[in-house]
Amino acid sequence: MPRKLPLFPIIILLLIVFAYQGKAGAESQVTDRIAKRFELAACQYHNLTFNTGEKNRDRWLQGVKALQTVFRLDPGHARTPPALFMLGRMYEEMAGRFQEPQDLSEAAGYYEDLATLFPGDQLADDALLKLGNICLKKKINDKKAETIFARIITVYPDGDMAREAAHLLREMKKNGNAAAASEKHGQPATEYATAQPVAEQQPVTEQQVAEQAVPAQQVAEQQPMAVLSQPIRFWSTKNYTRVVIEPSFPVQFKENFLKADGELPRRLYIDLFNTRIAPTFQNAIPIRDGLLKQVRGAQFDKSTVRVVLDTESVQDYKIFTMDDPFRVVIDVTGTKPRPQTPQKLPTLAEQFGLGVKTIVIDPGHGGRDPGALGVNGLQEKEVVLKVAKKVAAILEKETAFKVLLTRDRDVYLPLEERTAIANTEEADLFVSIHANSAPNIHASGVETYFLSLATSREEMQAAARENASSSSQISDLQKILQDLMQNSKIEESARLAGSVQGELVNGLNSKYSVKNLGVKKAPFIVLIGAQMPAILTEIAFLSNRDEVRRLQDERYLEAIARYIAAGVRQYAAKLNGL
C-alpha cells in the first residue's frame, strides 16, 4: 500500500503557496484596478466630448475626478500620461462650453505636468503643442509659446509635432504676434502680488531657434536637452531673497561663489548641465533689494546654462532642489543697513507676543492639486481652505496680529512659493493646514509636524504624500536638512507644534472623541527655508468615513479653527510669560 503523507505539513505548505499567490495576486489586482478605472474614466471622457449638448458642469467635474484618481493611485502607472492628457483636453473643452477662464489655466497645467513628468512619453510633444496653442489663445504670454515651440523642435526633432511647431513659429514671426503681445501685455503676473516682474525681453526669431536647435542626428546620439521653459522667478524682502530656476526636467548642476574683481561684484553662479536657455530669458532681471543687484541667465556653452546672481550684501546662501516639477531653489540671506527711525512704543501685538506681529496661515493644495480625496469625494483643498479662513477670522477678531493667507481661493500655489510668501512678509509664525489620508480606512486622529529628519515610516509616508513625491525622493531631501536646521527655529517650531496639537486634541475631546497622534517631525517641503517657527497640522483623515462626516459639519470646522487659533495664542502668550 502507498504510504500516507502527514496531513499537517501538507496544510502548512498549501497555506504558504496560497499566501504567496495571494500577495502576487493583490499586486496584480491593484494594477488591473487602475487599468479598469482608466478605461471607465476614458469612456466617460469620450461620452462627454461626443455629446455636444452636454451643459451640466458637474458631470464634467465628475469626469475630472475619475481621471485624477488614476494617477493618484499610482503616479508611475503606464496609464498616467494619457490620463493627464485627457484631463488637459477635458478642461480645454470645458473652457469652450462654460466660458470659465480658470479652465484654460487648468488645461495648461495638466499639459505642462505631462511634458515635465514624462518627457520621454509619446504624448509629451503633443502636450507641449497644446500648451503652446493655449498660450497663444490666452494672448497673455506669446513669448512662452515661442519657447515651447522651440523646445519641441529642439528636444523632439523627429516627433510628429515638430513640423507643426516650426509652422507656428513661422506664422508668429510673419504676423508679429509675439512682439505685439509683449508690448501690450508684458509678462503675466504671478498669483502672489509681491512677486517681481521679469524684465522686458525680445521675442525669439526663427533664425535664433535654428541656431540653438541641435541637429536631429546629434539629438539621436545624445540625451534630450532640458530647456528653461519659465522665466527665472524671485521673491524678496530686506534680509532674504529666494530665486527659483525651472528646467523642463531634472538636471545636474554645480555652484560657485566668486569674490569681487575690479568692477565686477561678488557673484554666485549656478551651472546647469545638459540644458539650453532660449534668447527670451537671457536678459538680466534687476532685483536691487540690498541683497542682490540682479540675476541673469545665459548659454555658457553648447550644453550648459549659467545663472549668475550679482550680490550686494549676501552673508549666506542655501541651494536645494524641489520636484513635481523640478526646480532649483536658491535662498540668500544677509543684513543691509537700516535707516535710523525714532523709537516707537511697542504695539499691542508686540506686548502680547514678544514681537509676534504677523502670522501666515497656509491652506494646503489648491487649484489643479486637490490633495487627498475623501471616501465620498470630499477634497482636502476645500476643507483646509474653509478651516484656514476661519482661523484667520478668529485671530483677526480676537487679537492684534496681522494675519495673512497664502491663498484665499481655489488656486494652485507651488510649495516653495508658500514659504517665500511668509519670508517676504516677514511673518513671525507659519501654520500650514492639511487633512490626512491612509490605506487603513480605520486610521483617525490629529497630528502636528515640524521640520526635521523623519525617524519613522509613518513620518516618511506623510511627508511623501504632502510633498507629492516618492519615498526615495524624500530621503534625498534628508541631505539638505542637516544644514537647513542649524538655527533656533526648529526648537521654537517644536514648541508651537506642541501648543497647537495640545489645544486641538483637548478642545475637540471636550465634545468629540479624537485620537491624539502627537507631535511629529518630517521633511515637509513647504516648511523648508521658513525663517520663523513653522508647523504643519493634519486635522483629520479623509480616508475615514466618520471623520469625513464630521468635516462636512460647519460646527466641527469652526471648532477645529478655534482650537488652532487657541494654540497659536497660547504659544505667543508663553513667550511673554503671560
Protein backbone atom coordinates (compact mmCIF):
# COMPACT_ATOMS: atom_id res chain seq x y z
CA MET A 1 0.00 0.00 0.00
CA PRO A 2 1.27 3.56 -0.71
CA ARG A 3 2.45 5.39 2.37
CA LYS A 4 0.13 8.18 3.54
CA LEU A 5 1.69 11.65 3.83
CA PRO A 6 1.19 13.50 7.15
CA LEU A 7 -1.77 15.87 6.79
CA PHE A 8 -0.44 18.80 8.89
CA PRO A 9 2.71 19.57 6.79
CA ILE A 10 0.62 19.45 3.61
CA ILE A 11 -1.79 22.02 5.03
CA ILE A 12 1.11 24.29 6.04
CA LEU A 13 2.64 24.00 2.56
CA LEU A 14 -0.68 24.81 0.89
CA LEU A 15 -1.16 27.85 3.14
CA ILE A 16 2.32 29.17 2.19
CA VAL A 17 1.61 28.67 -1.52
CA PHE A 18 -1.79 30.38 -1.25
CA ALA A 19 -0.29 33.26 0.74
CA TYR A 20 2.42 33.84 -1.88
CA GLN A 21 -0.11 33.67 -4.69
CA GLY A 22 -2.38 36.00 -2.75
CA LYS A 23 0.37 38.62 -2.43
CA ALA A 24 1.21 38.43 -6.12
CA GLY A 25 -2.46 38.45 -6.93
CA ALA A 26 -3.03 41.55 -4.76
CA GLU A 27 -0.34 43.48 -6.67
CA SER A 28 -1.87 42.35 -9.95
CA GLN A 29 -5.31 43.37 -8.73
CA VAL A 30 -4.07 46.90 -7.95
CA THR A 31 -2.64 47.23 -11.49
CA ASP A 32 -5.82 45.79 -13.00
CA ARG A 33 -7.94 48.12 -10.87
CA ILE A 34 -6.04 51.18 -12.12
CA ALA A 35 -6.38 49.98 -15.73
CA LYS A 36 -10.11 49.43 -15.27
CA ARG A 37 -10.54 52.85 -13.63
CA PHE A 38 -8.74 54.41 -16.58
CA GLU A 39 -10.96 52.60 -19.08
CA LEU A 40 -14.11 53.74 -17.27
CA ALA A 41 -12.82 57.30 -16.98
CA ALA A 42 -11.81 57.30 -20.67
CA CYS A 43 -15.27 56.08 -21.63
CA GLN A 44 -16.83 58.87 -19.56
CA TYR A 45 -14.47 61.38 -21.21
CA HIS A 46 -15.43 60.27 -24.73
CA ASN A 47 -19.15 60.36 -23.91
CA LEU A 48 -18.87 63.91 -22.59
CA THR A 49 -16.84 65.23 -25.53
CA PHE A 50 -19.03 63.44 -28.09
CA ASN A 51 -22.24 64.89 -26.63
CA THR A 52 -22.03 68.49 -27.84
CA GLY A 53 -25.21 69.36 -25.96
CA GLU A 54 -23.89 68.34 -22.52
CA LYS A 55 -24.02 71.55 -20.44
CA ASN A 56 -24.01 70.05 -16.92
CA ARG A 57 -20.70 71.21 -15.45
CA ASP A 58 -20.98 68.82 -12.50
CA ARG A 59 -20.85 65.85 -14.89
CA TRP A 60 -17.64 67.21 -16.37
CA LEU A 61 -16.14 67.66 -12.91
CA GLN A 62 -17.07 64.06 -12.08
CA GLY A 63 -15.14 63.01 -15.18
CA VAL A 64 -12.17 65.09 -13.99
CA LYS A 65 -12.21 63.35 -10.59
CA ALA A 66 -12.34 59.92 -12.26
CA LEU A 67 -9.18 60.70 -14.26
CA GLN A 68 -7.43 62.28 -11.28
CA THR A 69 -7.95 59.04 -9.34
CA VAL A 70 -5.94 57.10 -11.94
CA PHE A 71 -2.65 58.90 -11.34
CA ARG A 72 -3.25 59.38 -7.62
CA LEU A 73 -3.49 55.60 -7.14
CA ASP A 74 -0.12 55.12 -8.89
CA PRO A 75 1.66 58.20 -10.37
CA GLY A 76 4.10 55.93 -12.21
CA HIS A 77 1.46 53.77 -13.89
CA ALA A 78 1.50 53.46 -17.68
CA ARG A 79 -2.00 54.97 -17.80
CA THR A 80 -0.90 58.20 -16.05
CA PRO A 81 0.38 60.10 -19.17
CA PRO A 82 -2.83 59.52 -21.18
CA ALA A 83 -4.88 60.39 -18.09
CA LEU A 84 -3.05 63.72 -17.76
CA PHE A 85 -3.53 64.39 -21.47
CA MET A 86 -7.26 63.65 -21.23
CA LEU A 87 -7.53 65.99 -18.23
CA GLY A 88 -5.99 68.74 -20.33
CA ARG A 89 -8.43 68.01 -23.16
CA MET A 90 -11.40 67.98 -20.77
CA TYR A 91 -10.56 71.35 -19.25
CA GLU A 92 -9.92 72.78 -22.72
CA GLU A 93 -13.35 71.59 -23.83
CA MET A 94 -14.93 72.95 -20.63
CA ALA A 95 -13.37 76.35 -21.28
CA GLY A 96 -15.23 76.48 -24.60
CA ARG A 97 -18.55 75.27 -23.21
CA PHE A 98 -18.73 77.14 -19.91
CA GLN A 99 -16.53 80.20 -20.60
CA GLU A 100 -14.73 79.84 -17.25
CA PRO A 101 -11.27 81.49 -17.55
CA GLN A 102 -9.67 79.18 -14.98
CA ASP A 103 -10.50 76.10 -17.08
CA LEU A 104 -7.94 77.06 -19.71
CA SER A 105 -5.32 77.54 -16.99
CA GLU A 106 -6.13 74.11 -15.57
CA ALA A 107 -5.74 72.57 -19.04
CA ALA A 108 -2.35 74.25 -19.45
CA GLY A 109 -1.29 72.92 -16.04
CA TYR A 110 -2.04 69.31 -16.93
CA TYR A 111 -0.30 69.56 -20.31
CA GLU A 112 2.74 71.06 -18.59
CA ASP A 113 2.69 68.33 -15.92
CA LEU A 114 2.68 65.63 -18.61
CA ALA A 115 5.59 67.17 -20.54
CA THR A 116 7.60 67.77 -17.35
CA LEU A 117 6.99 64.50 -15.52
CA PHE A 118 7.05 62.21 -18.57
CA PRO A 119 9.38 63.87 -21.13
CA GLY A 120 10.04 60.51 -22.82
CA ASP A 121 6.37 59.62 -23.35
CA GLN A 122 4.96 59.68 -26.87
CA LEU A 123 2.34 62.22 -25.75
CA ALA A 124 4.91 64.71 -24.36
CA ASP A 125 5.34 66.69 -27.59
CA ASP A 126 1.55 66.59 -28.19
CA ALA A 127 1.05 68.12 -24.74
CA LEU A 128 3.65 70.81 -25.43
CA LEU A 129 1.96 71.78 -28.70
CA LYS A 130 -1.38 72.03 -26.88
CA LEU A 131 0.28 74.14 -24.18
CA GLY A 132 1.82 76.48 -26.76
CA ASN A 133 -1.53 76.94 -28.50
CA ILE A 134 -3.20 77.76 -25.17
CA CYS A 135 -0.56 80.45 -24.55
CA LEU A 136 -1.46 81.94 -27.95
CA LYS A 137 -5.19 81.63 -27.29
CA LYS A 138 -4.98 83.39 -23.92
CA LYS A 139 -2.92 86.18 -25.57
CA ILE A 140 -1.05 86.95 -22.36
CA ASN A 141 2.23 85.16 -22.97
CA ASP A 142 3.19 84.71 -26.61
CA LYS A 143 6.84 84.60 -25.55
CA LYS A 144 6.20 81.40 -23.65
CA ALA A 145 4.51 79.97 -26.73
CA GLU A 146 7.66 80.74 -28.75
CA THR A 147 9.82 79.00 -26.18
CA ILE A 148 7.54 75.95 -26.11
CA PHE A 149 7.53 75.60 -29.90
CA ALA A 150 11.34 75.98 -29.92
CA ARG A 151 11.52 73.29 -27.25
CA ILE A 152 9.52 70.89 -29.41
CA ILE A 153 11.83 71.47 -32.37
CA THR A 154 14.97 71.09 -30.24
CA VAL A 155 14.03 68.19 -27.97
CA TYR A 156 11.67 66.27 -30.28
CA PRO A 157 13.02 66.98 -33.81
CA ASP A 158 11.80 63.60 -35.11
CA GLY A 159 8.42 63.77 -33.39
CA ASP A 160 5.13 64.25 -35.24
CA MET A 161 4.63 67.70 -33.66
CA ALA A 162 7.95 69.27 -34.78
CA ARG A 163 6.67 70.26 -38.24
CA GLU A 164 3.57 71.96 -36.78
CA ALA A 165 5.67 73.75 -34.14
CA ALA A 166 8.01 75.10 -36.85
CA HIS A 167 4.99 76.26 -38.89
CA LEU A 168 3.53 78.10 -35.90
CA LEU A 169 6.86 79.82 -35.22
CA ARG A 170 6.99 81.00 -38.85
CA GLU A 171 3.44 82.32 -38.59
CA MET A 172 4.25 84.17 -35.37
CA LYS A 173 7.26 85.80 -37.00
CA LYS A 174 5.26 86.67 -40.11
CA ASN A 175 2.36 88.24 -38.19
CA GLY A 176 4.49 89.82 -35.44
CA ASN A 177 2.12 88.44 -32.78
CA ALA A 178 4.79 87.90 -30.16
CA ALA A 179 6.18 91.43 -30.25
CA ALA A 180 2.72 92.99 -30.28
CA ALA A 181 1.50 90.86 -27.41
CA SER A 182 4.68 91.51 -25.46
CA GLU A 183 4.35 95.30 -25.74
CA LYS A 184 0.67 95.24 -24.93
CA HIS A 185 0.57 92.73 -22.10
CA GLY A 186 4.11 92.17 -20.84
CA GLN A 187 4.90 89.17 -18.66
CA PRO A 188 1.93 87.53 -16.88
CA ALA A 189 1.57 88.44 -13.22
CA THR A 190 2.10 85.72 -10.66
CA GLU A 191 -0.77 84.79 -8.33
CA TYR A 192 1.13 86.44 -5.47
CA ALA A 193 1.12 90.19 -5.85
CA THR A 194 4.59 90.93 -4.45
CA ALA A 195 6.46 88.64 -6.85
CA GLN A 196 8.60 90.90 -9.03
CA PRO A 197 8.04 91.33 -12.80
CA VAL A 198 10.55 89.92 -15.27
CA ALA A 199 12.42 92.45 -17.39
CA GLU A 200 11.15 93.12 -20.92
CA GLN A 201 12.52 90.51 -23.31
CA GLN A 202 12.99 90.27 -27.07
CA PRO A 203 10.94 87.66 -28.96
CA VAL A 204 12.58 84.52 -30.28
CA THR A 205 13.12 84.59 -34.03
CA GLU A 206 13.05 81.56 -36.28
CA GLN A 207 16.74 82.10 -37.09
CA GLN A 208 17.62 82.10 -33.37
CA VAL A 209 15.64 78.89 -32.89
CA ALA A 210 17.52 77.31 -35.79
CA GLU A 211 20.85 78.42 -34.33
CA GLN A 212 20.00 76.93 -30.96
CA ALA A 213 18.39 73.76 -32.24
CA VAL A 214 20.52 70.61 -32.08
CA PRO A 215 20.69 68.70 -35.41
CA ALA A 216 18.49 65.60 -35.46
CA GLN A 217 21.43 63.22 -35.80
CA GLN A 218 23.16 64.70 -32.75
CA VAL A 219 19.94 64.57 -30.72
CA ALA A 220 19.53 60.90 -31.56
CA GLU A 221 23.07 60.22 -30.34
CA GLN A 222 22.77 62.12 -27.04
CA GLN A 223 20.32 62.62 -24.21
CA PRO A 224 17.50 65.15 -24.66
CA MET A 225 18.44 68.66 -23.55
CA ALA A 226 16.48 70.30 -20.78
CA VAL A 227 15.09 73.75 -21.58
CA LEU A 228 14.44 76.70 -19.28
CA SER A 229 10.75 76.98 -20.16
CA GLN A 230 9.89 79.52 -17.43
CA PRO A 231 11.44 82.91 -16.62
CA ILE A 232 13.68 82.97 -13.54
CA ARG A 233 11.45 84.00 -10.62
CA PHE A 234 12.26 85.65 -7.29
CA TRP A 235 10.67 86.85 -4.07
CA SER A 236 12.41 89.45 -1.97
CA THR A 237 12.48 91.15 1.40
CA LYS A 238 15.15 93.21 3.17
CA ASN A 239 17.00 90.26 4.70
CA TYR A 240 16.00 87.38 2.42
CA THR A 241 15.61 86.62 -1.29
CA ARG A 242 14.53 83.37 -2.96
CA VAL A 243 15.40 82.69 -6.62
CA VAL A 244 13.77 79.80 -8.49
CA ILE A 245 15.07 78.23 -11.73
CA GLU A 246 12.81 75.73 -13.52
CA PRO A 247 14.35 73.45 -16.19
CA SER A 248 11.98 71.26 -18.20
CA PHE A 249 13.24 68.14 -16.39
CA PRO A 250 15.80 67.25 -13.66
CA VAL A 251 19.43 68.13 -14.47
CA GLN A 252 22.79 68.07 -12.70
CA PHE A 253 24.24 71.40 -11.55
CA LYS A 254 27.06 72.95 -9.54
CA GLU A 255 27.54 76.34 -7.88
CA ASN A 256 30.47 78.60 -7.06
CA PHE A 257 30.87 81.89 -5.20
CA LEU A 258 33.30 84.38 -6.80
CA LYS A 259 34.92 87.28 -4.96
CA ALA A 260 34.67 90.85 -6.23
CA ASP A 261 37.10 91.51 -9.07
CA GLY A 262 37.67 95.13 -10.13
CA GLU A 263 34.32 96.49 -11.28
CA LEU A 264 32.71 93.05 -11.03
CA PRO A 265 30.71 92.48 -7.80
CA ARG A 266 30.72 89.31 -5.71
CA ARG A 267 28.86 86.72 -7.73
CA LEU A 268 27.13 83.42 -7.07
CA TYR A 269 26.70 81.33 -10.18
CA ILE A 270 24.94 78.04 -10.87
CA ASP A 271 25.82 75.91 -13.92
CA LEU A 272 23.01 73.68 -15.17
CA PHE A 273 24.37 70.89 -17.34
CA ASN A 274 22.66 69.37 -20.39
CA THR A 275 20.44 72.45 -20.55
CA ARG A 276 19.54 75.17 -23.06
CA ILE A 277 18.03 78.61 -22.50
CA ALA A 278 16.05 80.46 -25.16
CA PRO A 279 17.09 84.04 -26.06
CA THR A 280 13.79 85.14 -24.48
CA PHE A 281 15.15 84.52 -20.98
CA GLN A 282 18.75 85.74 -21.41
CA ASN A 283 18.21 89.38 -20.40
CA ALA A 284 19.27 90.46 -16.90
CA ILE A 285 16.46 90.70 -14.32
CA PRO A 286 17.01 93.64 -11.92
CA ILE A 287 16.35 92.96 -8.22
CA ARG A 288 18.18 95.74 -6.31
CA ASP A 289 16.84 94.75 -2.89
CA GLY A 290 20.07 95.34 -0.98
CA LEU A 291 20.99 91.64 -1.14
CA LEU A 292 21.04 91.03 -4.90
CA LYS A 293 21.60 93.53 -7.69
CA GLN A 294 20.31 91.32 -10.49
CA VAL A 295 20.04 87.76 -11.77
CA ARG A 296 20.93 86.78 -15.33
CA GLY A 297 20.98 83.56 -17.33
CA ALA A 298 22.95 82.76 -20.47
CA GLN A 299 24.12 79.86 -22.61
CA PHE A 300 27.64 79.31 -21.21
CA ASP A 301 28.49 76.62 -23.78
CA LYS A 302 26.55 74.29 -26.08
CA SER A 303 25.19 72.18 -23.21
CA THR A 304 25.47 74.41 -20.11
CA VAL A 305 23.30 77.26 -18.87
CA ARG A 306 24.91 79.59 -16.34
CA VAL A 307 22.67 81.61 -13.98
CA VAL A 308 24.55 84.42 -12.19
CA LEU A 309 23.40 86.28 -9.08
CA ASP A 310 25.20 89.62 -8.66
CA THR A 311 25.28 90.18 -4.90
CA GLU A 312 25.45 93.25 -2.67
CA SER A 313 25.29 92.18 0.99
CA VAL A 314 24.75 88.39 0.89
CA GLN A 315 26.14 86.68 4.00
CA ASP A 316 24.92 83.13 3.44
CA TYR A 317 23.10 81.04 0.87
CA LYS A 318 21.40 77.64 0.51
CA ILE A 319 20.76 75.76 -2.75
CA PHE A 320 18.41 72.78 -2.99
CA THR A 321 16.01 71.16 -5.45
CA MET A 322 12.28 70.53 -5.43
CA ASP A 323 10.25 68.14 -7.55
CA ASP A 324 6.93 67.98 -9.41
CA PRO A 325 8.01 69.99 -11.36
CA PHE A 326 11.80 70.01 -10.88
CA ARG A 327 13.13 73.36 -9.62
CA VAL A 328 16.48 74.65 -8.38
CA VAL A 329 15.91 76.97 -5.40
CA ILE A 330 18.49 79.47 -4.13
CA ASP A 331 17.87 81.17 -0.78
CA VAL A 332 20.23 84.07 0.04
CA THR A 333 20.27 85.91 3.36
CA GLY A 334 22.08 88.93 4.77
CA THR A 335 21.63 92.25 6.55
CA LYS A 336 21.73 95.67 4.96
CA PRO A 337 22.00 98.97 6.88
CA ARG A 338 18.66 100.22 8.16
CA PRO A 339 17.78 103.91 8.31
CA GLN A 340 17.56 105.38 11.80
CA THR A 341 13.96 105.90 12.89
CA PRO A 342 12.56 107.45 16.07
CA GLN A 343 11.88 104.90 18.80
CA LYS A 344 8.19 103.99 18.98
CA LEU A 345 6.17 102.50 21.78
CA PRO A 346 5.51 98.75 21.35
CA THR A 347 2.22 97.82 19.74
CA LEU A 348 -0.39 95.67 21.46
CA ALA A 349 0.73 92.68 19.38
CA GLU A 350 4.35 93.24 20.39
CA GLN A 351 3.36 93.47 24.07
CA PHE A 352 1.26 90.32 23.79
CA GLY A 353 3.53 88.14 21.71
CA LEU A 354 7.09 89.35 22.31
CA GLY A 355 7.47 90.51 18.72
CA VAL A 356 4.82 88.22 17.18
CA LYS A 357 3.10 90.61 14.83
CA THR A 358 2.39 88.73 11.58
CA ILE A 359 1.05 85.21 11.17
CA VAL A 360 0.74 83.41 7.82
CA ILE A 361 -1.89 80.67 7.54
CA ASP A 362 -1.35 78.27 4.64
CA PRO A 363 -4.30 76.19 3.35
CA GLY A 364 -2.65 73.18 1.67
CA HIS A 365 -3.00 72.24 -2.01
CA GLY A 366 -5.45 74.12 -4.28
CA GLY A 367 -6.31 74.54 -7.96
CA ARG A 368 -5.33 71.52 -10.03
CA ASP A 369 -3.93 69.86 -6.87
CA PRO A 370 -6.96 68.68 -4.84
CA GLY A 371 -4.85 66.93 -2.19
CA ALA A 372 -6.32 63.86 -0.52
CA LEU A 373 -9.74 62.70 -1.70
CA GLY A 374 -12.37 61.68 0.84
CA VAL A 375 -14.37 58.47 0.66
CA ASN A 376 -17.35 60.47 -0.65
CA GLY A 377 -15.35 62.74 -3.00
CA LEU A 378 -14.63 65.46 -0.42
CA GLN A 379 -11.41 67.23 -1.43
CA GLU A 380 -8.67 68.20 1.02
CA LYS A 381 -8.14 71.57 -0.67
CA GLU A 382 -11.77 72.58 0.02
CA VAL A 383 -11.79 71.55 3.69
CA VAL A 384 -8.49 73.18 4.64
CA LEU A 385 -9.37 76.44 2.86
CA LYS A 386 -12.55 76.70 4.94
CA VAL A 387 -10.65 76.00 8.17
CA ALA A 388 -7.83 78.42 7.30
CA LYS A 389 -10.29 81.25 6.61
CA LYS A 390 -11.99 80.59 9.96
CA VAL A 391 -8.64 80.58 11.81
CA ALA A 392 -7.69 83.89 10.18
CA ALA A 393 -11.07 85.44 11.06
CA ILE A 394 -10.80 84.36 14.72
CA LEU A 395 -7.24 85.67 15.14
CA GLU A 396 -8.07 88.97 13.43
CA LYS A 397 -11.12 89.48 15.63
CA GLU A 398 -9.65 88.42 18.98
CA THR A 399 -6.01 89.55 18.70
CA ALA A 400 -3.98 92.44 17.29
CA PHE A 401 -2.00 90.14 14.99
CA LYS A 402 -1.76 90.79 11.27
CA VAL A 403 -2.99 87.55 9.65
CA LEU A 404 -2.33 86.60 6.02
CA LEU A 405 -3.46 83.64 3.92
CA THR A 406 -1.17 82.17 1.25
CA ARG A 407 -4.35 81.59 -0.78
CA ASP A 408 -7.91 82.75 -0.16
CA ARG A 409 -9.48 80.94 -3.11
CA ASP A 410 -9.10 77.74 -5.13
CA VAL A 411 -5.79 78.39 -6.91
CA TYR A 412 -2.64 76.32 -7.36
CA LEU A 413 0.42 77.55 -5.45
CA PRO A 414 3.86 75.85 -5.64
CA LEU A 415 5.19 74.66 -2.30
CA GLU A 416 8.29 76.86 -2.33
CA GLU A 417 6.16 79.95 -3.06
CA ARG A 418 4.18 79.47 0.15
CA THR A 419 7.30 79.69 2.31
CA ALA A 420 8.57 82.57 0.20
CA ILE A 421 5.35 84.49 0.92
CA ALA A 422 5.86 84.04 4.67
CA ASN A 423 9.51 85.12 4.45
CA THR A 424 8.74 88.08 2.20
CA GLU A 425 6.02 89.30 4.58
CA GLU A 426 8.49 88.85 7.48
CA ALA A 427 5.95 86.65 9.25
CA ASP A 428 6.63 85.61 12.84
CA LEU A 429 4.68 82.33 12.63
CA PHE A 430 3.75 79.99 9.75
CA VAL A 431 0.93 77.44 10.10
CA SER A 432 0.13 75.08 7.21
CA ILE A 433 -3.22 73.25 7.46
CA HIS A 434 -3.80 69.84 5.83
CA ALA A 435 -6.01 66.76 6.06
CA ASN A 436 -4.55 63.25 6.19
CA SER A 437 -5.18 60.01 4.32
CA ALA A 438 -4.08 56.40 4.89
CA PRO A 439 -4.51 52.95 3.29
CA ASN A 440 -6.07 51.82 6.58
CA ILE A 441 -9.64 53.15 6.46
CA HIS A 442 -9.85 52.97 10.26
CA ALA A 443 -6.91 55.34 10.80
CA SER A 444 -8.03 58.53 12.53
CA GLY A 445 -6.86 61.39 14.69
CA VAL A 446 -4.95 64.67 14.77
CA GLU A 447 -1.18 65.16 14.41
CA THR A 448 1.10 68.18 14.04
CA TYR A 449 4.52 68.27 12.39
CA PHE A 450 7.60 70.46 12.46
CA LEU A 451 10.56 70.32 10.06
CA SER A 452 13.18 67.74 10.92
CA LEU A 453 14.60 64.41 9.83
CA ALA A 454 11.88 61.75 9.75
CA THR A 455 12.59 58.78 12.04
CA SER A 456 9.61 56.51 11.34
CA ARG A 457 7.98 55.00 8.29
CA GLU A 458 4.74 56.84 9.05
CA GLU A 459 6.51 60.22 9.13
CA MET A 460 8.22 59.50 5.81
CA GLN A 461 4.92 58.43 4.24
CA ALA A 462 3.19 61.58 5.48
CA ALA A 463 5.93 63.76 4.00
CA ALA A 464 5.89 61.80 0.74
CA ARG A 465 2.13 62.33 0.37
CA GLU A 466 2.13 66.05 1.15
CA ASN A 467 5.24 66.60 -0.98
CA ALA A 468 3.63 64.66 -3.86
CA SER A 469 6.91 62.78 -4.20
CA SER A 470 8.14 59.20 -3.81
CA SER A 471 9.88 57.93 -0.66
CA SER A 472 13.22 57.78 -2.48
CA GLN A 473 12.96 61.46 -3.43
CA ILE A 474 12.03 62.35 0.13
CA SER A 475 15.08 60.55 1.50
CA ASP A 476 17.18 62.62 -0.90
CA LEU A 477 15.87 65.71 0.92
CA GLN A 478 17.46 64.48 4.14
CA LYS A 479 20.86 65.53 2.77
CA ILE A 480 19.95 69.22 2.75
CA LEU A 481 18.00 69.29 6.01
CA GLN A 482 21.01 68.98 8.33
CA ASP A 483 22.26 72.37 7.18
CA LEU A 484 18.82 73.97 6.97
CA MET A 485 18.02 73.07 10.57
CA GLN A 486 21.06 74.67 12.17
CA ASN A 487 19.06 77.52 13.67
CA SER A 488 16.88 78.23 16.68
CA LYS A 489 13.63 78.00 14.69
CA ILE A 490 13.48 74.20 14.95
CA GLU A 491 13.16 74.24 18.73
CA GLU A 492 10.58 77.04 18.57
CA SER A 493 8.70 75.17 15.83
CA ALA A 494 8.51 72.11 18.07
CA ARG A 495 7.03 74.26 20.87
CA LEU A 496 4.49 75.83 18.52
CA ALA A 497 3.53 72.35 17.28
CA GLY A 498 3.05 71.13 20.84
CA SER A 499 0.86 74.11 21.70
CA VAL A 500 -1.40 73.72 18.64
CA GLN A 501 -1.60 69.91 18.99
CA GLY A 502 -2.48 70.15 22.68
CA GLU A 503 -5.23 72.73 22.16
CA LEU A 504 -6.68 70.82 19.19
CA VAL A 505 -6.87 67.46 20.96
CA ASN A 506 -8.02 68.72 24.36
CA GLY A 507 -10.52 71.15 22.85
CA LEU A 508 -12.08 68.69 20.41
CA ASN A 509 -12.24 65.93 23.05
CA SER A 510 -14.48 68.13 25.18
CA LYS A 511 -17.30 67.28 22.75
CA TYR A 512 -15.95 64.76 20.24
CA SER A 513 -13.77 61.68 20.57
CA VAL A 514 -10.46 62.45 18.81
CA LYS A 515 -7.31 60.32 18.80
CA ASN A 516 -4.10 62.14 19.75
CA LEU A 517 -1.40 61.08 17.27
CA GLY A 518 1.09 63.52 18.83
CA VAL A 519 3.74 65.93 17.62
CA LYS A 520 5.97 64.51 14.89
CA LYS A 521 8.80 65.59 12.62
CA ALA A 522 9.28 65.11 8.88
CA PRO A 523 10.93 66.81 5.86
CA PHE A 524 7.94 68.73 4.52
CA ILE A 525 8.98 70.82 1.51
CA VAL A 526 6.51 73.57 2.42
CA LEU A 527 8.41 74.16 5.70
CA ILE A 528 11.93 74.21 4.19
CA GLY A 529 13.50 77.65 4.26
CA ALA A 530 10.98 79.19 6.67
CA GLN A 531 12.70 81.89 8.73
CA MET A 532 10.19 81.68 11.56
CA PRO A 533 8.62 78.93 13.71
CA ALA A 534 6.70 76.83 11.16
CA ILE A 535 4.39 73.83 11.55
CA LEU A 536 2.05 71.64 9.51
CA THR A 537 -1.08 70.25 11.17
CA GLU A 538 -3.15 67.32 9.89
CA ILE A 539 -6.66 67.91 11.22
CA ALA A 540 -8.33 64.60 10.27
CA PHE A 541 -8.25 61.55 7.95
CA LEU A 542 -10.24 61.84 4.71
CA SER A 543 -9.91 58.07 4.32
CA ASN A 544 -12.06 57.60 7.46
CA ARG A 545 -15.84 57.79 6.91
CA ASP A 546 -16.62 59.04 10.43
CA GLU A 547 -14.08 61.88 10.21
CA VAL A 548 -15.28 62.85 6.71
CA ARG A 549 -18.82 63.07 8.10
CA ARG A 550 -17.57 65.45 10.81
CA LEU A 551 -15.63 67.57 8.30
CA GLN A 552 -18.90 68.25 6.46
CA ASP A 553 -20.33 69.85 9.60
CA GLU A 554 -19.59 73.59 9.77
CA ARG A 555 -19.71 73.47 13.57
CA TYR A 556 -16.87 70.92 13.62
CA LEU A 557 -14.80 73.04 11.22
CA GLU A 558 -15.44 76.05 13.45
CA ALA A 559 -14.23 74.06 16.47
CA ILE A 560 -11.04 72.97 14.69
CA ALA A 561 -10.33 76.57 13.68
CA ARG A 562 -10.96 77.89 17.18
CA TYR A 563 -8.55 75.41 18.77
CA ILE A 564 -5.81 76.02 16.18
CA ALA A 565 -6.15 79.74 16.92
CA ALA A 566 -6.04 78.96 20.65
CA GLY A 567 -2.81 77.02 20.18
CA VAL A 568 -1.23 79.95 18.36
CA ARG A 569 -2.34 82.39 21.09
CA GLN A 570 -1.08 80.07 23.83
CA TYR A 571 2.35 79.86 22.18
CA ALA A 572 2.59 83.66 21.87
CA ALA A 573 1.45 84.12 25.48
CA LYS A 574 4.10 81.70 26.81
CA LEU A 575 6.80 83.66 25.01
CA ASN A 576 5.83 86.71 27.05
CA GLY A 577 5.31 84.82 30.30
CA LEU A 578 1.58 85.55 30.40
